[in-house]
Amino acid sequence: MSVYDHPEWHAFIRAIRENLAEDTTRVVAADWLDERDEVGRAELIRLQVQLALFNESSSDPALPDGGGEERHEMESREKQLLGGPNPRPLDTALRGSYVRGFLDSLECSASAWLDQGDELILREPVRAVTMTSRPEVETGSARRFWRLQGDRGTFEIDNATVTSRAEEIARRERPGLGHSDGSVYAILEQRWPGIDFTLPPAVMTVPVQVNGELFDLDIEIGTRTTPPLSHLARMGAGAAET
């Protein structure tokens, strides 16, 4: 069994998630990893914690050159531990950013998250997930529930819960979203509370006629800059008259 599947490691992750700004648990976790020969990850945790503290105090005039040389050495070692100039990939589908030794934010496809998200949040205190594709969502019979479909299983959420939350998201938190996009965000936050999800915009194809020729115009839906459909219709009509 991997040390990252050990119940004690999972307890560290829960404690860190409950207090992200506190570093004591992170350092204790590094000691725990050292005892289990995970010296590289342990060093990364200590280094990034030290680097964060150093950056907070680097404006101290007592430090020569503002501490720039020491910071450079620490950052160079950090890149070595991460495996290169960018944060190392967790696998072929997931890429994330480490903050004070732990995975803080993640970029992945919707299918990768649906298949690996539950396992990952036990191992790391992930705070934010940016999806590079949109999850497949469908409604159940008579719209009693919403369903997220992944390769490893199906997640169903009560429709009444999704509908009320979707309206709040679309109206207040993410202006410009349609109800369906609000529903997707509502489903994700119900299934994985405490994680901030970002989805790519949906794309709608609108036929536009210009000088007698018909073209397809791809419009991103769910952004603050999305024009209303009535404006698109007028734009298409105006283009046809030119």
C-alpha atoms as a PDB file:
ATOM      1  CA  MET A   1       0.000   0.000   0.000  1.00  0.00           C
ATOM      2  CA  SER A   2       1.242   3.470  -0.890  1.00  0.00           C
ATOM      3  CA  VAL A   3       1.982   5.729   2.072  1.00  0.00           C
ATOM      4  CA  TYR A   4      -0.473   8.184   0.523  1.00  0.00           C
ATOM      5  CA  ASP A   5      -3.267   5.626   1.002  1.00  0.00           C
ATOM      6  CA  HIS A   6      -2.439   5.193   4.695  1.00  0.00           C
ATOM      7  CA  PRO A   7      -5.171   6.327   7.139  1.00  0.00           C
ATOM      8  CA  GLU A   8      -2.645   8.491   8.989  1.00  0.00           C
ATOM      9  CA  TRP A   9      -1.829  10.380   5.792  1.00  0.00           C
ATOM     10  CA  HIS A  10      -5.526  10.880   5.132  1.00  0.00           C
ATOM     11  CA  ALA A  11      -5.827  12.333   8.650  1.00  0.00           C
ATOM     12  CA  PHE A  12      -3.046  14.818   7.831  1.00  0.00           C
ATOM     13  CA  ILE A  13      -4.919  15.873   4.694  1.00  0.00           C
ATOM     14  CA  ARG A  14      -8.166  16.422   6.589  1.00  0.00           C
ATOM     15  CA  ALA A  15      -6.373  18.544   9.190  1.00  0.00           C
ATOM     16  CA  ILE A  16      -4.637  20.635   6.506  1.00  0.00           C
ATOM     17  CA  ARG A  17      -7.880  21.138   4.605  1.00  0.00           C
ATOM     18  CA  GLU A  18      -9.565  22.411   7.773  1.00  0.00           C
ATOM     19  CA  ASN A  19      -6.843  25.028   8.314  1.00  0.00           C
ATOM     20  CA  LEU A  20      -4.988  25.779   5.080  1.00  0.00           C
ATOM     21  CA  ALA A  21      -3.068  28.722   6.533  1.00  0.00           C
ATOM     22  CA  GLU A  22      -1.455  26.727   9.358  1.00  0.00           C
ATOM     23  CA  ASP A  23       1.885  24.980   8.706  1.00  0.00           C
ATOM     24  CA  THR A  24       2.436  22.812  11.795  1.00  0.00           C
ATOM     25  CA  THR A  25       0.518  19.850  10.377  1.00  0.00           C
ATOM     26  CA  ARG A  26       2.444  20.126   7.117  1.00  0.00           C
ATOM     27  CA  VAL A  27       5.795  19.921   8.902  1.00  0.00           C
ATOM     28  CA  VAL A  28       4.608  16.982  11.046  1.00  0.00           C
ATOM     29  CA  ALA A  29       3.467  15.249   7.846  1.00  0.00           C
ATOM     30  CA  ALA A  30       6.956  15.806   6.379  1.00  0.00           C
ATOM     31  CA  ASP A  31       8.509  14.089   9.416  1.00  0.00           C
ATOM     32  CA  TRP A  32       6.047  11.223   8.978  1.00  0.00           C
ATOM     33  CA  LEU A  33       7.082  10.861   5.321  1.00  0.00           C
ATOM     34  CA  ASP A  34      10.780  10.872   6.269  1.00  0.00           C
ATOM     35  CA  GLU A  35      10.164   7.889   8.534  1.00  0.00           C
ATOM     36  CA  ARG A  36       8.717   6.045   5.532  1.00  0.00           C
ATOM     37  CA  ASP A  37      11.531   6.887   3.100  1.00  0.00           C
ATOM     38  CA  GLU A  38       9.513   9.492   1.160  1.00  0.00           C
ATOM     39  CA  VAL A  39      12.404  11.924   1.566  1.00  0.00           C
ATOM     40  CA  GLY A  40      11.823  13.859  -1.669  1.00  0.00           C
ATOM     41  CA  ARG A  41       8.240  14.788  -0.844  1.00  0.00           C
ATOM     42  CA  ALA A  42       9.245  15.542   2.757  1.00  0.00           C
ATOM     43  CA  GLU A  43      11.929  17.916   1.540  1.00  0.00           C
ATOM     44  CA  LEU A  44       9.493  19.572  -0.856  1.00  0.00           C
ATOM     45  CA  ILE A  45       7.046  20.251   1.983  1.00  0.00           C
ATOM     46  CA  ARG A  46       9.693  21.779   4.235  1.00  0.00           C
ATOM     47  CA  LEU A  47      11.231  23.787   1.392  1.00  0.00           C
ATOM     48  CA  GLN A  48       7.964  25.275   0.183  1.00  0.00           C
ATOM     49  CA  VAL A  49       6.924  26.114   3.751  1.00  0.00           C
ATOM     50  CA  GLN A  50      10.287  27.810   4.312  1.00  0.00           C
ATOM     51  CA  LEU A  51      10.062  29.584   0.969  1.00  0.00           C
ATOM     52  CA  ALA A  52       6.591  30.912   1.784  1.00  0.00           C
ATOM     53  CA  LEU A  53       7.815  32.228   5.143  1.00  0.00           C
ATOM     54  CA  PHE A  54      10.915  33.663   3.495  1.00  0.00           C
ATOM     55  CA  ASN A  55       8.858  35.492   0.885  1.00  0.00           C
ATOM     56  CA  GLU A  56       6.700  36.979   3.611  1.00  0.00           C
ATOM     57  CA  SER A  57       9.780  38.410   5.354  1.00  0.00           C
ATOM     58  CA  SER A  58      11.991  39.096   2.320  1.00  0.00           C
ATOM     59  CA  SER A  59      11.301  42.822   2.483  1.00  0.00           C
ATOM     60  CA  ASP A  60      13.347  42.929   5.689  1.00  0.00           C
ATOM     61  CA  PRO A  61      16.119  45.505   5.034  1.00  0.00           C
ATOM     62  CA  ALA A  62      18.467  43.430   7.196  1.00  0.00           C
ATOM     63  CA  LEU A  63      18.590  40.802   4.440  1.00  0.00           C
ATOM     64  CA  PRO A  64      21.297  41.459   1.804  1.00  0.00           C
ATOM     65  CA  ASP A  65      19.750  42.227  -1.596  1.00  0.00           C
ATOM     66  CA  GLY A  66      16.375  41.639  -0.015  1.00  0.00           C
ATOM     67  CA  GLY A  67      17.335  37.964   0.250  1.00  0.00           C
ATOM     68  CA  GLY A  68      17.285  37.553  -3.529  1.00  0.00           C
ATOM     69  CA  GLU A  69      20.233  35.134  -3.732  1.00  0.00           C
ATOM     70  CA  GLU A  70      18.875  32.858  -1.031  1.00  0.00           C
ATOM     71  CA  ARG A  71      15.436  32.890  -2.619  1.00  0.00           C
ATOM     72  CA  HIS A  72      16.941  31.953  -5.984  1.00  0.00           C
ATOM     73  CA  GLU A  73      18.717  28.947  -4.442  1.00  0.00           C
ATOM     74  CA  MET A  74      15.530  27.795  -2.758  1.00  0.00           C
ATOM     75  CA  GLU A  75      13.478  28.190  -5.930  1.00  0.00           C
ATOM     76  CA  SER A  76      16.059  26.261  -7.963  1.00  0.00           C
ATOM     77  CA  ARG A  77      15.889  23.369  -5.520  1.00  0.00           C
ATOM     78  CA  GLU A  78      12.099  23.554  -5.563  1.00  0.00           C
ATOM     79  CA  LYS A  79      12.094  23.103  -9.355  1.00  0.00           C
ATOM     80  CA  GLN A  80      14.389  20.103  -9.027  1.00  0.00           C
ATOM     81  CA  LEU A  81      12.067  18.477  -6.529  1.00  0.00           C
ATOM     82  CA  LEU A  82       9.044  19.151  -8.700  1.00  0.00           C
ATOM     83  CA  GLY A  83      10.804  17.555 -11.648  1.00  0.00           C
ATOM     84  CA  GLY A  84      11.251  20.546 -13.948  1.00  0.00           C
ATOM     85  CA  PRO A  85      10.359  24.177 -14.561  1.00  0.00           C
ATOM     86  CA  ASN A  86       6.644  23.405 -14.179  1.00  0.00           C
ATOM     87  CA  PRO A  87       4.838  21.377 -11.513  1.00  0.00           C
ATOM     88  CA  ARG A  88       5.218  17.693 -12.279  1.00  0.00           C
ATOM     89  CA  PRO A  89       2.214  15.852 -13.735  1.00  0.00           C
ATOM     90  CA  LEU A  90       0.442  13.566 -11.305  1.00  0.00           C
ATOM     91  CA  ASP A  91      -0.243  11.251 -14.239  1.00  0.00           C
ATOM     92  CA  THR A  92      -0.993  11.634 -17.937  1.00  0.00           C
ATOM     93  CA  ALA A  93      -4.390  13.229 -17.264  1.00  0.00           C
ATOM     94  CA  LEU A  94      -3.776  15.471 -14.264  1.00  0.00           C
ATOM     95  CA  ARG A  95      -1.504  18.463 -13.751  1.00  0.00           C
ATOM     96  CA  GLY A  96      -1.431  20.536 -10.622  1.00  0.00           C
ATOM     97  CA  SER A  97       0.246  23.245  -8.603  1.00  0.00           C
ATOM     98  CA  TYR A  98       1.834  22.591  -5.205  1.00  0.00           C
ATOM     99  CA  VAL A  99       1.530  25.145  -2.398  1.00  0.00           C
ATOM    100  CA  ARG A 100       3.598  24.626   0.751  1.00  0.00           C
ATOM    101  CA  GLY A 101       4.237  21.041  -0.195  1.00  0.00           C
ATOM    102  CA  PHE A 102       0.724  19.918  -1.078  1.00  0.00           C
ATOM    103  CA  LEU A 103      -1.415  19.887  -4.194  1.00  0.00           C
ATOM    104  CA  ASP A 104      -3.523  23.044  -4.087  1.00  0.00           C
ATOM    105  CA  SER A 105      -5.006  23.444  -7.573  1.00  0.00           C
ATOM    106  CA  LEU A 106      -5.507  21.080 -10.452  1.00  0.00           C
ATOM    107  CA  GLU A 107      -6.200  21.161 -14.183  1.00  0.00           C
ATOM    108  CA  CYS A 108      -7.720  18.090 -15.792  1.00  0.00           C
ATOM    109  CA  SER A 109     -10.453  16.813 -18.061  1.00  0.00           C
ATOM    110  CA  ALA A 110     -13.918  16.267 -16.634  1.00  0.00           C
ATOM    111  CA  SER A 111     -13.632  12.504 -17.130  1.00  0.00           C
ATOM    112  CA  ALA A 112     -10.288  12.388 -15.303  1.00  0.00           C
ATOM    113  CA  TRP A 113     -11.772  14.203 -12.313  1.00  0.00           C
ATOM    114  CA  LEU A 114     -14.911  12.043 -12.242  1.00  0.00           C
ATOM    115  CA  ASP A 115     -12.752   8.918 -12.270  1.00  0.00           C
ATOM    116  CA  GLN A 116      -9.964  10.013  -9.908  1.00  0.00           C
ATOM    117  CA  GLY A 117     -11.299  12.928  -7.874  1.00  0.00           C
ATOM    118  CA  ASP A 118     -12.508  10.918  -4.888  1.00  0.00           C
ATOM    119  CA  GLU A 119      -9.163   9.164  -4.556  1.00  0.00           C
ATOM    120  CA  LEU A 120      -7.214  12.372  -5.062  1.00  0.00           C
ATOM    121  CA  ILE A 121      -8.945  14.428  -2.363  1.00  0.00           C
ATOM    122  CA  LEU A 122      -8.045  11.747   0.170  1.00  0.00           C
ATOM    123  CA  ARG A 123      -4.386  12.171  -0.762  1.00  0.00           C
ATOM    124  CA  GLU A 124      -4.167  15.952  -1.256  1.00  0.00           C
ATOM    125  CA  PRO A 125      -5.984  19.049   0.079  1.00  0.00           C
ATOM    126  CA  VAL A 126      -7.066  20.177  -3.384  1.00  0.00           C
ATOM    127  CA  ARG A 127      -8.754  23.574  -3.217  1.00  0.00           C
ATOM    128  CA  ALA A 128      -9.531  24.368  -6.876  1.00  0.00           C
ATOM    129  CA  VAL A 129     -10.144  22.324 -10.025  1.00  0.00           C
ATOM    130  CA  THR A 130     -10.148  23.740 -13.558  1.00  0.00           C
ATOM    131  CA  MET A 131     -11.766  21.350 -16.009  1.00  0.00           C
ATOM    132  CA  THR A 132     -10.511  21.375 -19.580  1.00  0.00           C
ATOM    133  CA  SER A 133     -13.692  19.700 -20.811  1.00  0.00           C
ATOM    134  CA  ARG A 134     -17.298  19.722 -19.698  1.00  0.00           C
ATOM    135  CA  PRO A 135     -18.789  16.817 -17.745  1.00  0.00           C
ATOM    136  CA  GLU A 136     -21.627  14.873 -19.271  1.00  0.00           C
ATOM    137  CA  VAL A 137     -24.777  15.631 -17.318  1.00  0.00           C
ATOM    138  CA  GLU A 138     -28.200  14.129 -17.882  1.00  0.00           C
ATOM    139  CA  THR A 139     -31.511  14.267 -16.050  1.00  0.00           C
ATOM    140  CA  GLY A 140     -33.307  11.238 -14.704  1.00  0.00           C
ATOM    141  CA  SER A 141     -36.860  10.198 -15.460  1.00  0.00           C
ATOM    142  CA  ALA A 142     -39.380  13.011 -14.920  1.00  0.00           C
ATOM    143  CA  ARG A 143     -36.384  15.244 -14.017  1.00  0.00           C
ATOM    144  CA  ARG A 144     -36.327  13.881 -10.451  1.00  0.00           C
ATOM    145  CA  PHE A 145     -32.533  13.868 -10.362  1.00  0.00           C
ATOM    146  CA  TRP A 146     -29.396  14.898 -12.225  1.00  0.00           C
ATOM    147  CA  ARG A 147     -26.676  12.418 -13.111  1.00  0.00           C
ATOM    148  CA  LEU A 148     -22.918  12.746 -13.647  1.00  0.00           C
ATOM    149  CA  GLN A 149     -21.523   9.807 -15.570  1.00  0.00           C
ATOM    150  CA  GLY A 150     -17.900   8.657 -15.180  1.00  0.00           C
ATOM    151  CA  ASP A 151     -16.036   5.515 -16.183  1.00  0.00           C
ATOM    152  CA  ARG A 152     -15.981   4.330 -12.571  1.00  0.00           C
ATOM    153  CA  GLY A 153     -19.546   5.109 -11.619  1.00  0.00           C
ATOM    154  CA  THR A 154     -22.613   7.288 -11.746  1.00  0.00           C
ATOM    155  CA  PHE A 155     -23.395  10.127  -9.328  1.00  0.00           C
ATOM    156  CA  GLU A 156     -27.003  11.215  -8.886  1.00  0.00           C
ATOM    157  CA  ILE A 157     -28.216  14.402  -7.171  1.00  0.00           C
ATOM    158  CA  ASP A 158     -31.774  15.323  -6.222  1.00  0.00           C
ATOM    159  CA  ASN A 159     -33.294  17.715  -8.766  1.00  0.00           C
ATOM    160  CA  ALA A 160     -34.834  20.092  -6.217  1.00  0.00           C
ATOM    161  CA  THR A 161     -31.458  20.631  -4.553  1.00  0.00           C
ATOM    162  CA  VAL A 162     -29.765  21.277  -7.889  1.00  0.00           C
ATOM    163  CA  THR A 163     -32.453  23.641  -9.195  1.00  0.00           C
ATOM    164  CA  SER A 164     -32.501  25.999  -6.218  1.00  0.00           C
ATOM    165  CA  ARG A 165     -28.717  26.177  -6.009  1.00  0.00           C
ATOM    166  CA  ALA A 166     -28.324  26.578  -9.796  1.00  0.00           C
ATOM    167  CA  GLU A 167     -30.537  29.660  -9.764  1.00  0.00           C
ATOM    168  CA  GLU A 168     -28.471  31.230  -6.990  1.00  0.00           C
ATOM    169  CA  ILE A 169     -25.200  30.514  -8.816  1.00  0.00           C
ATOM    170  CA  ALA A 170     -26.422  31.891 -12.148  1.00  0.00           C
ATOM    171  CA  ARG A 171     -27.984  34.986 -10.569  1.00  0.00           C
ATOM    172  CA  ARG A 172     -25.385  36.025  -7.985  1.00  0.00           C
ATOM    173  CA  GLU A 173     -22.083  34.168  -8.127  1.00  0.00           C
ATOM    174  CA  ARG A 174     -21.392  33.666 -11.841  1.00  0.00           C
ATOM    175  CA  PRO A 175     -23.301  36.332 -13.805  1.00  0.00           C
ATOM    176  CA  GLY A 176     -23.830  35.357 -17.425  1.00  0.00           C
ATOM    177  CA  LEU A 177     -24.352  31.656 -16.786  1.00  0.00           C
ATOM    178  CA  GLY A 178     -27.472  29.977 -18.060  1.00  0.00           C
ATOM    179  CA  HIS A 179     -29.527  27.730 -15.813  1.00  0.00           C
ATOM    180  CA  SER A 180     -28.027  24.549 -17.282  1.00  0.00           C
ATOM    181  CA  ASP A 181     -24.475  25.718 -16.533  1.00  0.00           C
ATOM    182  CA  GLY A 182     -25.573  26.762 -13.063  1.00  0.00           C
ATOM    183  CA  SER A 183     -26.911  23.242 -12.619  1.00  0.00           C
ATOM    184  CA  VAL A 184     -23.546  21.716 -13.520  1.00  0.00           C
ATOM    185  CA  TYR A 185     -21.764  23.872 -10.935  1.00  0.00           C
ATOM    186  CA  ALA A 186     -24.438  23.008  -8.367  1.00  0.00           C
ATOM    187  CA  ILE A 187     -23.967  19.289  -9.003  1.00  0.00           C
ATOM    188  CA  LEU A 188     -20.181  19.521  -8.687  1.00  0.00           C
ATOM    189  CA  GLU A 189     -20.268  21.470  -5.431  1.00  0.00           C
ATOM    190  CA  GLN A 190     -22.864  19.113  -3.972  1.00  0.00           C
ATOM    191  CA  ARG A 191     -20.742  16.110  -4.873  1.00  0.00           C
ATOM    192  CA  TRP A 192     -17.391  17.674  -3.840  1.00  0.00           C
ATOM    193  CA  PRO A 193     -18.078  20.431  -1.283  1.00  0.00           C
ATOM    194  CA  GLY A 194     -15.315  22.899  -0.519  1.00  0.00           C
ATOM    195  CA  ILE A 195     -13.698  22.731  -3.972  1.00  0.00           C
ATOM    196  CA  ASP A 196     -13.890  25.672  -6.361  1.00  0.00           C
ATOM    197  CA  PHE A 197     -14.623  24.360  -9.873  1.00  0.00           C
ATOM    198  CA  THR A 198     -14.097  26.214 -13.144  1.00  0.00           C
ATOM    199  CA  LEU A 199     -15.590  24.873 -16.364  1.00  0.00           C
ATOM    200  CA  PRO A 200     -14.810  25.821 -19.954  1.00  0.00           C
ATOM    201  CA  PRO A 201     -17.662  27.728 -21.573  1.00  0.00           C
ATOM    202  CA  ALA A 202     -20.236  25.844 -23.574  1.00  0.00           C
ATOM    203  CA  VAL A 203     -20.219  26.520 -27.297  1.00  0.00           C
ATOM    204  CA  MET A 204     -23.402  27.083 -29.275  1.00  0.00           C
ATOM    205  CA  THR A 205     -23.354  27.167 -33.079  1.00  0.00           C
ATOM    206  CA  VAL A 206     -25.558  29.878 -34.587  1.00  0.00           C
ATOM    207  CA  PRO A 207     -26.235  30.058 -38.357  1.00  0.00           C
ATOM    208  CA  VAL A 208     -25.455  33.505 -39.789  1.00  0.00           C
ATOM    209  CA  GLN A 209     -26.174  34.604 -43.352  1.00  0.00           C
ATOM    210  CA  VAL A 210     -23.730  37.002 -45.007  1.00  0.00           C
ATOM    211  CA  ASN A 211     -24.212  38.172 -48.632  1.00  0.00           C
ATOM    212  CA  GLY A 212     -26.487  35.249 -49.311  1.00  0.00           C
ATOM    213  CA  GLU A 213     -24.071  32.667 -47.884  1.00  0.00           C
ATOM    214  CA  LEU A 214     -24.790  30.754 -44.685  1.00  0.00           C
ATOM    215  CA  PHE A 215     -22.032  30.425 -42.108  1.00  0.00           C
ATOM    216  CA  ASP A 216     -21.862  28.768 -38.690  1.00  0.00           C
ATOM    217  CA  LEU A 217     -20.838  31.102 -35.866  1.00  0.00           C
ATOM    218  CA  ASP A 218     -19.561  29.475 -32.662  1.00  0.00           C
ATOM    219  CA  ILE A 219     -20.600  31.432 -29.563  1.00  0.00           C
ATOM    220  CA  GLU A 220     -19.285  30.736 -26.077  1.00  0.00           C
ATOM    221  CA  ILE A 221     -22.165  30.414 -23.639  1.00  0.00           C
ATOM    222  CA  GLY A 222     -21.750  30.969 -19.930  1.00  0.00           C
ATOM    223  CA  THR A 223     -19.379  33.945 -19.977  1.00  0.00           C
ATOM    224  CA  ARG A 224     -20.006  37.548 -18.998  1.00  0.00           C
ATOM    225  CA  THR A 225     -19.351  38.630 -22.592  1.00  0.00           C
ATOM    226  CA  THR A 226     -21.891  36.294 -24.205  1.00  0.00           C
ATOM    227  CA  PRO A 227     -24.365  38.369 -26.262  1.00  0.00           C
ATOM    228  CA  PRO A 228     -28.057  37.544 -25.778  1.00  0.00           C
ATOM    229  CA  LEU A 229     -29.689  35.384 -28.422  1.00  0.00           C
ATOM    230  CA  SER A 230     -31.870  38.309 -29.536  1.00  0.00           C
ATOM    231  CA  HIS A 231     -28.719  40.281 -30.340  1.00  0.00           C
ATOM    232  CA  LEU A 232     -27.299  37.336 -32.277  1.00  0.00           C
ATOM    233  CA  ALA A 233     -30.467  37.154 -34.319  1.00  0.00           C
ATOM    234  CA  ARG A 234     -30.276  40.871 -35.122  1.00  0.00           C
ATOM    235  CA  MET A 235     -26.590  40.548 -35.945  1.00  0.00           C
ATOM    236  CA  GLY A 236     -27.346  37.732 -38.371  1.00  0.00           C
ATOM    237  CA  ALA A 237     -30.172  39.681 -39.977  1.00  0.00           C
ATOM    238  CA  GLY A 238     -28.007  42.771 -40.297  1.00  0.00           C
ATOM    239  CA  ALA A 239     -25.191  40.794 -41.863  1.00  0.00           C
ATOM    240  CA  ALA A 240     -27.621  39.366 -44.385  1.00  0.00           C
ATOM    241  CA  GLU A 241     -28.591  42.842 -45.493  1.00  0.00           C
ATOM    242  CA  THR A 242     -25.024  44.005 -46.162  1.00  0.00           C
END
